[in-house]
Amino acid sequence: MGHPRPHFSCSVGSRVTEASTSSRRSLTCWVVTDGKAGDEGQCIGVAQALHSDYALKHVSPRPPFSWWLPFGPIDPRERPGSVNSPFQPPWPDVAIASGRRAVRYLKVIKQASREHTFTVCLKDPRIGTKTADLIWVPAHDPLRGLNVLVTPTAPHRFTAENLKTLRTSAPPEIAALKAPRVAVLVGGDSRHHQFPLEVQRALLEALTRLGALESTGLMITTSRRTPPALHTALVQFAHENGHLFWDGTGTNPLPHYLANADAIVATADSTNMIGEAAATGKPIHVFHPTGGHPKIDRFLGTLRDLGVIHPFPGPIKTTTYDPMDSTPLIAAAIRTAMPGKR
């Protein structure tokens, strides 16, 4: 018999404080991913919200097993009991997995632990609601079920406490930047969005106009998906106009950028990027490259209705909203659903 699967529901304005869980004993937790930063960051955020003692477990299935996942079997080399398996006792209280190559391992861990480990899957596993004891999905994904928790935005590590601390300890280069400060989060080409040259020019022109405003300082960061030409142009733009640009070396300053921003500009290709920005309570201005997807449109529509996002190019807003953070909600749901509410 598996753990009971209570029904979960969550309204947009729900509040759960981490203090409600801090008095309970520390849980042990495994974060199971294939090492992708986005998946791992979300899992770590939930593990930290649980106040757990967590360990990172990376899976590296070989072909052809990697091709088949999540629909096919795991790599036998990584099965518990195998010499090279990352999964060995003692078994954790909780295992959190994300990513198509990792979620199949949850059932294996569940079985090997003799039902001790409570399993959590972040995002639609694509193999049904029996994949884990609890599944979290964003509201724009269609998966629903008695054990499925739905929230508008994804979990992350940008807690209110962390952001407050970062605001009081801004690095010198940010403290010296002109105000208002605008964080600029640039993504890049994906399955659903493209940044052809005309789109790159439009973004640069809009940022140039924004940067030309009196006393506006920009803090720019890009991703691995950013087209090289756009990356180079943004470096030059920042250097010539006294703005900040992270070149990918050293510690990622994104947490400092978000914490110290008065407003945010983000490209529409990444729901994770926009969801993280929504943790600040600062207005987010969304630039649309070409392409799109109905799921992303639904996500953006929800945030637009809540007054979180605004169009870019367009006037930079100063209105704020209650910061959005699903991470403590997910942690509370895990605690509630676990046998004995450990």
C-alpha atoms as a PDB file:
ATOM      1  CA  MET A   1       0.000   0.000   0.000  1.00  0.00           C
ATOM      2  CA  GLY A   2       1.303   3.442  -0.902  1.00  0.00           C
ATOM      3  CA  HIS A   3       0.807   6.641   1.027  1.00  0.00           C
ATOM      4  CA  PRO A   4      -2.722   8.132   0.892  1.00  0.00           C
ATOM      5  CA  ARG A   5      -3.282  10.681  -1.850  1.00  0.00           C
ATOM      6  CA  PRO A   6      -5.232  13.635  -0.446  1.00  0.00           C
ATOM      7  CA  HIS A   7      -6.783  16.222  -2.718  1.00  0.00           C
ATOM      8  CA  PHE A   8      -4.804  19.443  -3.032  1.00  0.00           C
ATOM      9  CA  SER A   9      -6.159  22.821  -3.993  1.00  0.00           C
ATOM     10  CA  CYS A  10      -4.471  26.184  -3.902  1.00  0.00           C
ATOM     11  CA  SER A  11      -5.794  29.640  -4.676  1.00  0.00           C
ATOM     12  CA  VAL A  12      -3.623  32.352  -6.181  1.00  0.00           C
ATOM     13  CA  GLY A  13      -3.579  34.339  -2.972  1.00  0.00           C
ATOM     14  CA  SER A  14      -2.734  31.447  -0.660  1.00  0.00           C
ATOM     15  CA  ARG A  15      -0.202  32.053   2.074  1.00  0.00           C
ATOM     16  CA  VAL A  16       1.872  29.444   3.890  1.00  0.00           C
ATOM     17  CA  THR A  17       4.626  30.476   6.269  1.00  0.00           C
ATOM     18  CA  GLU A  18       7.768  28.443   6.742  1.00  0.00           C
ATOM     19  CA  ALA A  19       7.502  29.015  10.473  1.00  0.00           C
ATOM     20  CA  SER A  20       4.686  26.472  10.605  1.00  0.00           C
ATOM     21  CA  THR A  21       7.122  23.682   9.721  1.00  0.00           C
ATOM     22  CA  SER A  22      10.277  24.825  11.442  1.00  0.00           C
ATOM     23  CA  SER A  23       9.392  23.288  14.810  1.00  0.00           C
ATOM     24  CA  ARG A  24       9.238  19.767  13.403  1.00  0.00           C
ATOM     25  CA  ARG A  25      12.239  17.494  13.146  1.00  0.00           C
ATOM     26  CA  SER A  26      14.594  17.857  10.222  1.00  0.00           C
ATOM     27  CA  LEU A  27      13.771  15.587   7.302  1.00  0.00           C
ATOM     28  CA  THR A  28      16.290  13.803   5.142  1.00  0.00           C
ATOM     29  CA  CYS A  29      15.799  14.455   1.447  1.00  0.00           C
ATOM     30  CA  TRP A  30      17.232  13.469  -1.918  1.00  0.00           C
ATOM     31  CA  VAL A  31      17.157  15.878  -4.856  1.00  0.00           C
ATOM     32  CA  VAL A  32      17.086  13.689  -7.972  1.00  0.00           C
ATOM     33  CA  THR A  33      17.865  15.257 -11.373  1.00  0.00           C
ATOM     34  CA  ASP A  34      20.171  14.789 -14.325  1.00  0.00           C
ATOM     35  CA  GLY A  35      22.046  17.909 -13.216  1.00  0.00           C
ATOM     36  CA  LYS A  36      20.177  20.520 -15.262  1.00  0.00           C
ATOM     37  CA  ALA A  37      20.348  23.783 -13.330  1.00  0.00           C
ATOM     38  CA  GLY A  38      16.681  24.678 -13.788  1.00  0.00           C
ATOM     39  CA  ASP A  39      15.372  21.347 -12.520  1.00  0.00           C
ATOM     40  CA  GLU A  40      17.860  21.158  -9.681  1.00  0.00           C
ATOM     41  CA  GLY A  41      17.208  24.721  -8.539  1.00  0.00           C
ATOM     42  CA  GLN A  42      13.473  24.105  -8.204  1.00  0.00           C
ATOM     43  CA  CYS A  43      14.012  20.892  -6.245  1.00  0.00           C
ATOM     44  CA  ILE A  44      16.547  22.525  -3.935  1.00  0.00           C
ATOM     45  CA  GLY A  45      14.132  25.375  -3.274  1.00  0.00           C
ATOM     46  CA  VAL A  46      11.513  22.905  -2.029  1.00  0.00           C
ATOM     47  CA  ALA A  47      14.092  20.907  -0.055  1.00  0.00           C
ATOM     48  CA  GLN A  48      15.230  24.082   1.689  1.00  0.00           C
ATOM     49  CA  ALA A  49      11.639  25.131   2.400  1.00  0.00           C
ATOM     50  CA  LEU A  50      11.206  21.757   4.123  1.00  0.00           C
ATOM     51  CA  HIS A  51      14.195  22.643   6.339  1.00  0.00           C
ATOM     52  CA  SER A  52      15.579  19.296   5.254  1.00  0.00           C
ATOM     53  CA  ASP A  53      19.038  17.816   5.278  1.00  0.00           C
ATOM     54  CA  TYR A  54      19.232  17.240   1.532  1.00  0.00           C
ATOM     55  CA  ALA A  55      21.693  15.509  -0.780  1.00  0.00           C
ATOM     56  CA  LEU A  56      22.021  15.897  -4.553  1.00  0.00           C
ATOM     57  CA  LYS A  57      21.597  12.691  -6.558  1.00  0.00           C
ATOM     58  CA  HIS A  58      22.465  12.959 -10.254  1.00  0.00           C
ATOM     59  CA  VAL A  59      21.347  10.306 -12.713  1.00  0.00           C
ATOM     60  CA  SER A  60      23.237   9.647 -15.945  1.00  0.00           C
ATOM     61  CA  PRO A  61      21.355   6.936 -17.834  1.00  0.00           C
ATOM     62  CA  ARG A  62      23.196   5.521 -20.847  1.00  0.00           C
ATOM     63  CA  PRO A  63      21.662   5.116 -24.290  1.00  0.00           C
ATOM     64  CA  PRO A  64      19.279   3.581 -25.135  1.00  0.00           C
ATOM     65  CA  PHE A  65      17.751   4.028 -21.669  1.00  0.00           C
ATOM     66  CA  SER A  66      18.237   7.801 -21.821  1.00  0.00           C
ATOM     67  CA  TRP A  67      16.326   7.883 -25.115  1.00  0.00           C
ATOM     68  CA  TRP A  68      13.297   6.090 -23.685  1.00  0.00           C
ATOM     69  CA  LEU A  69      12.866   7.959 -20.415  1.00  0.00           C
ATOM     70  CA  PRO A  70      10.502   8.713 -18.818  1.00  0.00           C
ATOM     71  CA  PHE A  71       8.444   6.081 -20.649  1.00  0.00           C
ATOM     72  CA  GLY A  72      10.963   3.241 -20.571  1.00  0.00           C
ATOM     73  CA  PRO A  73      12.961   1.570 -17.781  1.00  0.00           C
ATOM     74  CA  ILE A  74      15.838   3.171 -15.918  1.00  0.00           C
ATOM     75  CA  ASP A  75      19.436   2.245 -16.637  1.00  0.00           C
ATOM     76  CA  PRO A  76      20.081  -1.038 -14.716  1.00  0.00           C
ATOM     77  CA  ARG A  77      23.487   0.322 -13.750  1.00  0.00           C
ATOM     78  CA  GLU A  78      21.738   2.918 -11.572  1.00  0.00           C
ATOM     79  CA  ARG A  79      19.221   0.582  -9.959  1.00  0.00           C
ATOM     80  CA  PRO A  80      19.526   0.420  -6.137  1.00  0.00           C
ATOM     81  CA  GLY A  81      21.849  -2.402  -5.180  1.00  0.00           C
ATOM     82  CA  SER A  82      24.090  -1.914  -8.207  1.00  0.00           C
ATOM     83  CA  VAL A  83      27.671  -0.896  -7.513  1.00  0.00           C
ATOM     84  CA  ASN A  84      27.411   2.319  -9.558  1.00  0.00           C
ATOM     85  CA  SER A  85      23.955   3.339  -8.362  1.00  0.00           C
ATOM     86  CA  PRO A  86      23.659   6.780  -6.733  1.00  0.00           C
ATOM     87  CA  PHE A  87      20.850   5.338  -4.610  1.00  0.00           C
ATOM     88  CA  GLN A  88      21.998   3.440  -1.537  1.00  0.00           C
ATOM     89  CA  PRO A  89      20.540   3.158   1.977  1.00  0.00           C
ATOM     90  CA  PRO A  90      19.808   4.769   4.320  1.00  0.00           C
ATOM     91  CA  TRP A  91      16.708   5.838   2.431  1.00  0.00           C
ATOM     92  CA  PRO A  92      15.543   9.439   2.785  1.00  0.00           C
ATOM     93  CA  ASP A  93      12.248  10.636   4.190  1.00  0.00           C
ATOM     94  CA  VAL A  94      11.574  12.532   0.953  1.00  0.00           C
ATOM     95  CA  ALA A  95      12.808  12.240  -2.632  1.00  0.00           C
ATOM     96  CA  ILE A  96      12.146  15.167  -4.983  1.00  0.00           C
ATOM     97  CA  ALA A  97      12.736  14.707  -8.713  1.00  0.00           C
ATOM     98  CA  SER A  98      12.361  16.841 -11.817  1.00  0.00           C
ATOM     99  CA  GLY A  99      13.182  16.312 -15.482  1.00  0.00           C
ATOM    100  CA  ARG A 100      12.243  13.568 -17.915  1.00  0.00           C
ATOM    101  CA  ARG A 101      15.392  11.513 -17.267  1.00  0.00           C
ATOM    102  CA  ALA A 102      14.951  11.606 -13.483  1.00  0.00           C
ATOM    103  CA  VAL A 103      11.278  11.180 -12.596  1.00  0.00           C
ATOM    104  CA  ARG A 104      11.139   7.448 -13.428  1.00  0.00           C
ATOM    105  CA  TYR A 105      13.630   6.828 -10.592  1.00  0.00           C
ATOM    106  CA  LEU A 106      11.058   7.880  -7.990  1.00  0.00           C
ATOM    107  CA  LYS A 107       9.163   4.591  -8.236  1.00  0.00           C
ATOM    108  CA  VAL A 108      12.424   2.680  -7.959  1.00  0.00           C
ATOM    109  CA  ILE A 109      13.374   4.570  -4.796  1.00  0.00           C
ATOM    110  CA  LYS A 110       9.891   4.046  -3.396  1.00  0.00           C
ATOM    111  CA  GLN A 111      10.115   0.303  -3.902  1.00  0.00           C
ATOM    112  CA  ALA A 112      13.694  -0.011  -2.634  1.00  0.00           C
ATOM    113  CA  SER A 113      12.839   1.927   0.538  1.00  0.00           C
ATOM    114  CA  ARG A 114       9.873  -0.377   1.200  1.00  0.00           C
ATOM    115  CA  GLU A 115       7.480   2.568   1.006  1.00  0.00           C
ATOM    116  CA  HIS A 116       9.455   4.622   3.547  1.00  0.00           C
ATOM    117  CA  THR A 117      10.374   7.440   1.165  1.00  0.00           C
ATOM    118  CA  PHE A 118       7.691   9.985   0.279  1.00  0.00           C
ATOM    119  CA  THR A 119       8.143  10.858  -3.381  1.00  0.00           C
ATOM    120  CA  VAL A 120       7.587  14.240  -5.027  1.00  0.00           C
ATOM    121  CA  CYS A 121       7.666  15.088  -8.728  1.00  0.00           C
ATOM    122  CA  LEU A 122       8.003  18.679  -9.902  1.00  0.00           C
ATOM    123  CA  LYS A 123       6.280  19.295 -13.262  1.00  0.00           C
ATOM    124  CA  ASP A 124       4.188  16.897 -15.323  1.00  0.00           C
ATOM    125  CA  PRO A 125       6.064  13.561 -15.374  1.00  0.00           C
ATOM    126  CA  ARG A 126       4.246  12.582 -18.599  1.00  0.00           C
ATOM    127  CA  ILE A 127       3.717   9.051 -17.252  1.00  0.00           C
ATOM    128  CA  GLY A 128       0.667   9.671 -15.081  1.00  0.00           C
ATOM    129  CA  THR A 129      -0.266  10.744 -11.587  1.00  0.00           C
ATOM    130  CA  LYS A 130       0.949   7.484 -10.009  1.00  0.00           C
ATOM    131  CA  THR A 131       4.541   8.546 -10.679  1.00  0.00           C
ATOM    132  CA  ALA A 132       4.855  10.038  -7.186  1.00  0.00           C
ATOM    133  CA  ASP A 133       2.974  10.541  -3.944  1.00  0.00           C
ATOM    134  CA  LEU A 134       2.703  14.244  -4.731  1.00  0.00           C
ATOM    135  CA  ILE A 135       3.082  16.034  -8.051  1.00  0.00           C
ATOM    136  CA  TRP A 136       3.376  19.783  -8.489  1.00  0.00           C
ATOM    137  CA  VAL A 137       2.492  21.455 -11.791  1.00  0.00           C
ATOM    138  CA  PRO A 138       2.100  25.099 -12.818  1.00  0.00           C
ATOM    139  CA  ALA A 139      -1.451  26.239 -13.507  1.00  0.00           C
ATOM    140  CA  HIS A 140      -0.832  26.496 -17.254  1.00  0.00           C
ATOM    141  CA  ASP A 141      -0.153  22.734 -17.476  1.00  0.00           C
ATOM    142  CA  PRO A 142      -3.263  20.551 -17.914  1.00  0.00           C
ATOM    143  CA  LEU A 143      -2.376  17.687 -15.534  1.00  0.00           C
ATOM    144  CA  ARG A 144      -4.822  17.370 -12.633  1.00  0.00           C
ATOM    145  CA  GLY A 145      -5.448  14.700 -10.015  1.00  0.00           C
ATOM    146  CA  LEU A 146      -6.096  14.016  -6.345  1.00  0.00           C
ATOM    147  CA  ASN A 147      -2.369  14.132  -5.609  1.00  0.00           C
ATOM    148  CA  VAL A 148      -1.579  17.047  -7.942  1.00  0.00           C
ATOM    149  CA  LEU A 149      -0.834  20.461  -6.450  1.00  0.00           C
ATOM    150  CA  VAL A 150      -1.361  23.403  -8.808  1.00  0.00           C
ATOM    151  CA  THR A 151       0.079  26.902  -8.345  1.00  0.00           C
ATOM    152  CA  PRO A 152       0.543  29.852 -10.729  1.00  0.00           C
ATOM    153  CA  THR A 153       4.349  29.931 -10.561  1.00  0.00           C
ATOM    154  CA  ALA A 154       7.188  27.447 -10.111  1.00  0.00           C
ATOM    155  CA  PRO A 155       9.199  26.840  -6.934  1.00  0.00           C
ATOM    156  CA  HIS A 156      12.584  28.500  -6.573  1.00  0.00           C
ATOM    157  CA  ARG A 157      15.190  29.582  -4.029  1.00  0.00           C
ATOM    158  CA  PHE A 158      14.311  33.286  -3.891  1.00  0.00           C
ATOM    159  CA  THR A 159      12.630  33.415  -0.486  1.00  0.00           C
ATOM    160  CA  ALA A 160      11.454  36.680   1.034  1.00  0.00           C
ATOM    161  CA  GLU A 161      14.150  36.359   3.693  1.00  0.00           C
ATOM    162  CA  ASN A 162      16.902  35.825   1.130  1.00  0.00           C
ATOM    163  CA  LEU A 163      15.791  38.783  -0.970  1.00  0.00           C
ATOM    164  CA  LYS A 164      15.623  41.021   2.096  1.00  0.00           C
ATOM    165  CA  THR A 165      19.155  40.030   3.087  1.00  0.00           C
ATOM    166  CA  LEU A 166      20.452  40.674  -0.428  1.00  0.00           C
ATOM    167  CA  ARG A 167      18.860  44.121  -0.478  1.00  0.00           C
ATOM    168  CA  THR A 168      20.811  45.104   2.620  1.00  0.00           C
ATOM    169  CA  SER A 169      24.110  43.778   1.258  1.00  0.00           C
ATOM    170  CA  ALA A 170      24.208  44.930  -2.356  1.00  0.00           C
ATOM    171  CA  PRO A 171      27.599  44.524  -4.094  1.00  0.00           C
ATOM    172  CA  PRO A 172      29.412  47.844  -4.665  1.00  0.00           C
ATOM    173  CA  GLU A 173      28.765  47.847  -8.411  1.00  0.00           C
ATOM    174  CA  ILE A 174      25.016  47.572  -7.842  1.00  0.00           C
ATOM    175  CA  ALA A 175      24.989  50.113  -5.016  1.00  0.00           C
ATOM    176  CA  ALA A 176      26.783  52.581  -7.312  1.00  0.00           C
ATOM    177  CA  LEU A 177      24.329  52.066 -10.182  1.00  0.00           C
ATOM    178  CA  LYS A 178      21.894  54.821 -11.092  1.00  0.00           C
ATOM    179  CA  ALA A 179      18.364  54.466  -9.763  1.00  0.00           C
ATOM    180  CA  PRO A 180      15.755  53.377 -10.552  1.00  0.00           C
ATOM    181  CA  ARG A 181      17.465  50.068 -11.240  1.00  0.00           C
ATOM    182  CA  VAL A 182      15.977  47.701 -13.804  1.00  0.00           C
ATOM    183  CA  ALA A 183      16.977  44.022 -13.975  1.00  0.00           C
ATOM    184  CA  VAL A 184      16.991  42.784 -17.578  1.00  0.00           C
ATOM    185  CA  LEU A 185      16.627  38.998 -17.971  1.00  0.00           C
ATOM    186  CA  VAL A 186      17.276  37.865 -21.543  1.00  0.00           C
ATOM    187  CA  GLY A 187      16.573  34.298 -22.621  1.00  0.00           C
ATOM    188  CA  GLY A 188      16.936  32.999 -26.145  1.00  0.00           C
ATOM    189  CA  ASP A 189      15.875  30.542 -28.802  1.00  0.00           C
ATOM    190  CA  SER A 190      13.740  27.626 -27.613  1.00  0.00           C
ATOM    191  CA  ARG A 191      11.301  25.088 -29.029  1.00  0.00           C
ATOM    192  CA  HIS A 192       8.568  27.708 -29.051  1.00  0.00           C
ATOM    193  CA  HIS A 193      10.335  31.084 -29.356  1.00  0.00           C
ATOM    194  CA  GLN A 194      12.938  32.502 -31.709  1.00  0.00           C
ATOM    195  CA  PHE A 195      15.129  35.600 -31.692  1.00  0.00           C
ATOM    196  CA  PRO A 196      15.789  36.445 -35.358  1.00  0.00           C
ATOM    197  CA  LEU A 197      17.873  39.519 -36.137  1.00  0.00           C
ATOM    198  CA  GLU A 198      14.889  41.856 -36.388  1.00  0.00           C
ATOM    199  CA  VAL A 199      13.730  40.783 -32.917  1.00  0.00           C
ATOM    200  CA  GLN A 200      17.237  41.265 -31.521  1.00  0.00           C
ATOM    201  CA  ARG A 201      17.313  44.779 -32.977  1.00  0.00           C
ATOM    202  CA  ALA A 202      13.893  45.576 -31.510  1.00  0.00           C
ATOM    203  CA  LEU A 203      14.995  44.472 -28.043  1.00  0.00           C
ATOM    204  CA  LEU A 204      18.218  46.479 -28.230  1.00  0.00           C
ATOM    205  CA  GLU A 205      16.369  49.577 -29.405  1.00  0.00           C
ATOM    206  CA  ALA A 206      13.863  49.272 -26.564  1.00  0.00           C
ATOM    207  CA  LEU A 207      16.641  48.842 -23.999  1.00  0.00           C
ATOM    208  CA  THR A 208      18.526  51.784 -25.485  1.00  0.00           C
ATOM    209  CA  ARG A 209      15.466  53.997 -25.054  1.00  0.00           C
ATOM    210  CA  LEU A 210      15.002  52.729 -21.504  1.00  0.00           C
ATOM    211  CA  GLY A 211      18.652  53.255 -20.630  1.00  0.00           C
ATOM    212  CA  ALA A 212      18.562  56.776 -22.055  1.00  0.00           C
ATOM    213  CA  LEU A 213      16.016  57.816 -19.456  1.00  0.00           C
ATOM    214  CA  GLU A 214      17.513  60.016 -16.759  1.00  0.00           C
ATOM    215  CA  SER A 215      18.877  58.062 -13.796  1.00  0.00           C
ATOM    216  CA  THR A 216      18.007  54.585 -15.063  1.00  0.00           C
ATOM    217  CA  GLY A 217      20.547  51.829 -14.408  1.00  0.00           C
ATOM    218  CA  LEU A 218      20.236  48.442 -16.081  1.00  0.00           C
ATOM    219  CA  MET A 219      21.470  45.106 -14.701  1.00  0.00           C
ATOM    220  CA  ILE A 220      21.580  42.680 -17.630  1.00  0.00           C
ATOM    221  CA  THR A 221      21.947  38.913 -17.651  1.00  0.00           C
ATOM    222  CA  THR A 222      21.601  36.418 -20.487  1.00  0.00           C
ATOM    223  CA  SER A 223      21.240  32.636 -20.773  1.00  0.00           C
ATOM    224  CA  ARG A 224      22.987  29.823 -22.616  1.00  0.00           C
ATOM    225  CA  ARG A 225      20.231  30.092 -25.219  1.00  0.00           C
ATOM    226  CA  THR A 226      20.879  33.751 -26.029  1.00  0.00           C
ATOM    227  CA  PRO A 227      21.982  34.130 -29.680  1.00  0.00           C
ATOM    228  CA  PRO A 228      25.705  35.031 -29.851  1.00  0.00           C
ATOM    229  CA  ALA A 229      25.050  38.207 -31.845  1.00  0.00           C
ATOM    230  CA  LEU A 230      22.565  39.449 -29.255  1.00  0.00           C
ATOM    231  CA  HIS A 231      24.918  38.553 -26.409  1.00  0.00           C
ATOM    232  CA  THR A 232      27.753  40.517 -28.025  1.00  0.00           C
ATOM    233  CA  ALA A 233      25.511  43.511 -28.697  1.00  0.00           C
ATOM    234  CA  LEU A 234      24.288  43.573 -25.095  1.00  0.00           C
ATOM    235  CA  VAL A 235      27.859  43.458 -23.779  1.00  0.00           C
ATOM    236  CA  GLN A 236      28.774  46.446 -25.940  1.00  0.00           C
ATOM    237  CA  PHE A 237      25.592  48.311 -25.009  1.00  0.00           C
ATOM    238  CA  ALA A 238      26.206  47.861 -21.285  1.00  0.00           C
ATOM    239  CA  HIS A 239      29.899  48.786 -21.527  1.00  0.00           C
ATOM    240  CA  GLU A 240      29.267  51.962 -23.527  1.00  0.00           C
ATOM    241  CA  ASN A 241      26.399  53.215 -21.359  1.00  0.00           C
ATOM    242  CA  GLY A 242      27.475  52.448 -17.802  1.00  0.00           C
ATOM    243  CA  HIS A 243      25.131  49.526 -17.199  1.00  0.00           C
ATOM    244  CA  LEU A 244      25.938  46.166 -15.604  1.00  0.00           C
ATOM    245  CA  PHE A 245      26.268  42.950 -17.600  1.00  0.00           C
ATOM    246  CA  TRP A 246      27.107  39.536 -16.202  1.00  0.00           C
ATOM    247  CA  ASP A 247      29.598  37.817 -18.492  1.00  0.00           C
ATOM    248  CA  GLY A 248      29.045  34.355 -17.051  1.00  0.00           C
ATOM    249  CA  THR A 249      32.175  34.297 -14.908  1.00  0.00           C
ATOM    250  CA  GLY A 250      32.206  34.198 -11.136  1.00  0.00           C
ATOM    251  CA  THR A 251      29.123  33.954  -8.961  1.00  0.00           C
ATOM    252  CA  ASN A 252      25.815  34.470 -10.732  1.00  0.00           C
ATOM    253  CA  PRO A 253      24.545  37.910  -9.623  1.00  0.00           C
ATOM    254  CA  LEU A 254      20.906  37.206 -10.587  1.00  0.00           C
ATOM    255  CA  PRO A 255      19.739  37.024  -6.944  1.00  0.00           C
ATOM    256  CA  HIS A 256      21.325  40.442  -6.304  1.00  0.00           C
ATOM    257  CA  TYR A 257      19.847  41.831  -9.526  1.00  0.00           C
ATOM    258  CA  LEU A 258      16.342  40.715  -8.562  1.00  0.00           C
ATOM    259  CA  ALA A 259      16.620  41.798  -4.935  1.00  0.00           C
ATOM    260  CA  ASN A 260      17.838  45.293  -5.820  1.00  0.00           C
ATOM    261  CA  ALA A 261      15.659  45.956  -8.861  1.00  0.00           C
ATOM    262  CA  ASP A 262      12.934  48.591  -8.835  1.00  0.00           C
ATOM    263  CA  ALA A 263      11.480  46.994 -11.969  1.00  0.00           C
ATOM    264  CA  ILE A 264      12.252  44.027 -14.216  1.00  0.00           C
ATOM    265  CA  VAL A 265      12.354  43.390 -17.969  1.00  0.00           C
ATOM    266  CA  ALA A 266      12.187  39.730 -19.036  1.00  0.00           C
ATOM    267  CA  THR A 267      11.780  37.927 -22.336  1.00  0.00           C
ATOM    268  CA  ALA A 268       8.687  35.741 -22.721  1.00  0.00           C
ATOM    269  CA  ASP A 269      10.482  32.505 -23.614  1.00  0.00           C
ATOM    270  CA  SER A 270      11.011  31.316 -20.021  1.00  0.00           C
ATOM    271  CA  THR A 271       8.197  30.838 -17.517  1.00  0.00           C
ATOM    272  CA  ASN A 272      10.778  29.948 -14.859  1.00  0.00           C
ATOM    273  CA  MET A 273      12.600  33.235 -15.351  1.00  0.00           C
ATOM    274  CA  ILE A 274       9.397  35.261 -15.059  1.00  0.00           C
ATOM    275  CA  GLY A 275       8.175  33.178 -12.120  1.00  0.00           C
ATOM    276  CA  GLU A 276      11.401  33.840 -10.220  1.00  0.00           C
ATOM    277  CA  ALA A 277      11.079  37.550 -10.942  1.00  0.00           C
ATOM    278  CA  ALA A 278       7.533  37.492  -9.530  1.00  0.00           C
ATOM    279  CA  ALA A 279       8.998  36.578  -6.121  1.00  0.00           C
ATOM    280  CA  THR A 280      10.191  40.183  -5.802  1.00  0.00           C
ATOM    281  CA  GLY A 281       6.805  41.898  -5.908  1.00  0.00           C
ATOM    282  CA  LYS A 282       8.277  44.324  -8.462  1.00  0.00           C
ATOM    283  CA  PRO A 283       6.608  45.040 -11.835  1.00  0.00           C
ATOM    284  CA  ILE A 284       7.749  42.751 -14.659  1.00  0.00           C
ATOM    285  CA  HIS A 285       7.794  44.033 -18.235  1.00  0.00           C
ATOM    286  CA  VAL A 286       7.663  41.241 -20.809  1.00  0.00           C
ATOM    287  CA  PHE A 287       9.292  41.394 -24.241  1.00  0.00           C
ATOM    288  CA  HIS A 288       7.865  38.946 -26.780  1.00  0.00           C
ATOM    289  CA  PRO A 289      10.161  37.361 -29.387  1.00  0.00           C
ATOM    290  CA  THR A 290       8.573  35.543 -32.309  1.00  0.00           C
ATOM    291  CA  GLY A 291       6.656  32.332 -31.705  1.00  0.00           C
ATOM    292  CA  GLY A 292       4.812  31.282 -28.587  1.00  0.00           C
ATOM    293  CA  HIS A 293       2.812  28.448 -27.069  1.00  0.00           C
ATOM    294  CA  PRO A 294      -0.715  28.265 -25.617  1.00  0.00           C
ATOM    295  CA  LYS A 295       0.603  27.092 -22.228  1.00  0.00           C
ATOM    296  CA  ILE A 296       2.947  30.072 -21.978  1.00  0.00           C
ATOM    297  CA  ASP A 297       0.146  32.377 -23.097  1.00  0.00           C
ATOM    298  CA  ARG A 298      -2.050  31.042 -20.270  1.00  0.00           C
ATOM    299  CA  PHE A 299       0.747  31.587 -17.759  1.00  0.00           C
ATOM    300  CA  LEU A 300       1.319  35.154 -18.898  1.00  0.00           C
ATOM    301  CA  GLY A 301      -2.426  35.808 -18.986  1.00  0.00           C
ATOM    302  CA  THR A 302      -2.752  34.807 -15.330  1.00  0.00           C
ATOM    303  CA  LEU A 303       0.070  37.126 -14.286  1.00  0.00           C
ATOM    304  CA  ARG A 304      -1.296  39.939 -16.438  1.00  0.00           C
ATOM    305  CA  ASP A 305      -4.712  39.625 -14.771  1.00  0.00           C
ATOM    306  CA  LEU A 306      -2.997  39.831 -11.381  1.00  0.00           C
ATOM    307  CA  GLY A 307      -1.179  43.024 -12.355  1.00  0.00           C
ATOM    308  CA  VAL A 308       2.227  41.336 -12.201  1.00  0.00           C
ATOM    309  CA  ILE A 309       3.347  41.773 -15.823  1.00  0.00           C
ATOM    310  CA  HIS A 310       3.183  44.608 -18.333  1.00  0.00           C
ATOM    311  CA  PRO A 311       4.198  44.946 -22.001  1.00  0.00           C
ATOM    312  CA  PHE A 312       7.703  45.891 -23.101  1.00  0.00           C
ATOM    313  CA  PRO A 313       8.459  48.125 -24.934  1.00  0.00           C
ATOM    314  CA  GLY A 314       6.212  50.305 -22.837  1.00  0.00           C
ATOM    315  CA  PRO A 315       6.292  52.616 -19.834  1.00  0.00           C
ATOM    316  CA  ILE A 316       8.126  51.235 -16.817  1.00  0.00           C
ATOM    317  CA  LYS A 317       5.616  50.776 -14.013  1.00  0.00           C
ATOM    318  CA  THR A 318       6.198  51.488 -10.343  1.00  0.00           C
ATOM    319  CA  THR A 319       3.230  49.557  -8.971  1.00  0.00           C
ATOM    320  CA  THR A 320       3.945  46.555  -6.755  1.00  0.00           C
ATOM    321  CA  TYR A 321       2.025  43.413  -5.776  1.00  0.00           C
ATOM    322  CA  ASP A 322       2.237  40.699  -3.154  1.00  0.00           C
ATOM    323  CA  PRO A 323       5.324  38.601  -3.987  1.00  0.00           C
ATOM    324  CA  MET A 324       4.435  35.241  -5.521  1.00  0.00           C
ATOM    325  CA  ASP A 325       6.210  32.194  -4.105  1.00  0.00           C
ATOM    326  CA  SER A 326       4.770  28.699  -4.438  1.00  0.00           C
ATOM    327  CA  THR A 327       7.739  27.075  -2.703  1.00  0.00           C
ATOM    328  CA  PRO A 328       6.410  27.178   0.890  1.00  0.00           C
ATOM    329  CA  LEU A 329       3.015  26.011  -0.385  1.00  0.00           C
ATOM    330  CA  ILE A 330       4.607  22.917  -1.908  1.00  0.00           C
ATOM    331  CA  ALA A 331       6.633  22.255   1.241  1.00  0.00           C
ATOM    332  CA  ALA A 332       3.515  22.547   3.402  1.00  0.00           C
ATOM    333  CA  ALA A 333       1.613  20.178   1.105  1.00  0.00           C
ATOM    334  CA  ILE A 334       4.412  17.611   1.442  1.00  0.00           C
ATOM    335  CA  ARG A 335       4.372  17.861   5.237  1.00  0.00           C
ATOM    336  CA  THR A 336       0.583  17.530   5.293  1.00  0.00           C
ATOM    337  CA  ALA A 337       0.509  14.500   3.000  1.00  0.00           C
ATOM    338  CA  MET A 338       3.336  12.557   4.651  1.00  0.00           C
ATOM    339  CA  PRO A 339       2.301   9.717   6.975  1.00  0.00           C
ATOM    340  CA  GLY A 340       2.384  10.920  10.558  1.00  0.00           C
ATOM    341  CA  LYS A 341       3.077  14.465   9.268  1.00  0.00           C
ATOM    342  CA  ARG A 342       6.756  14.022  10.042  1.00  0.00           C
END
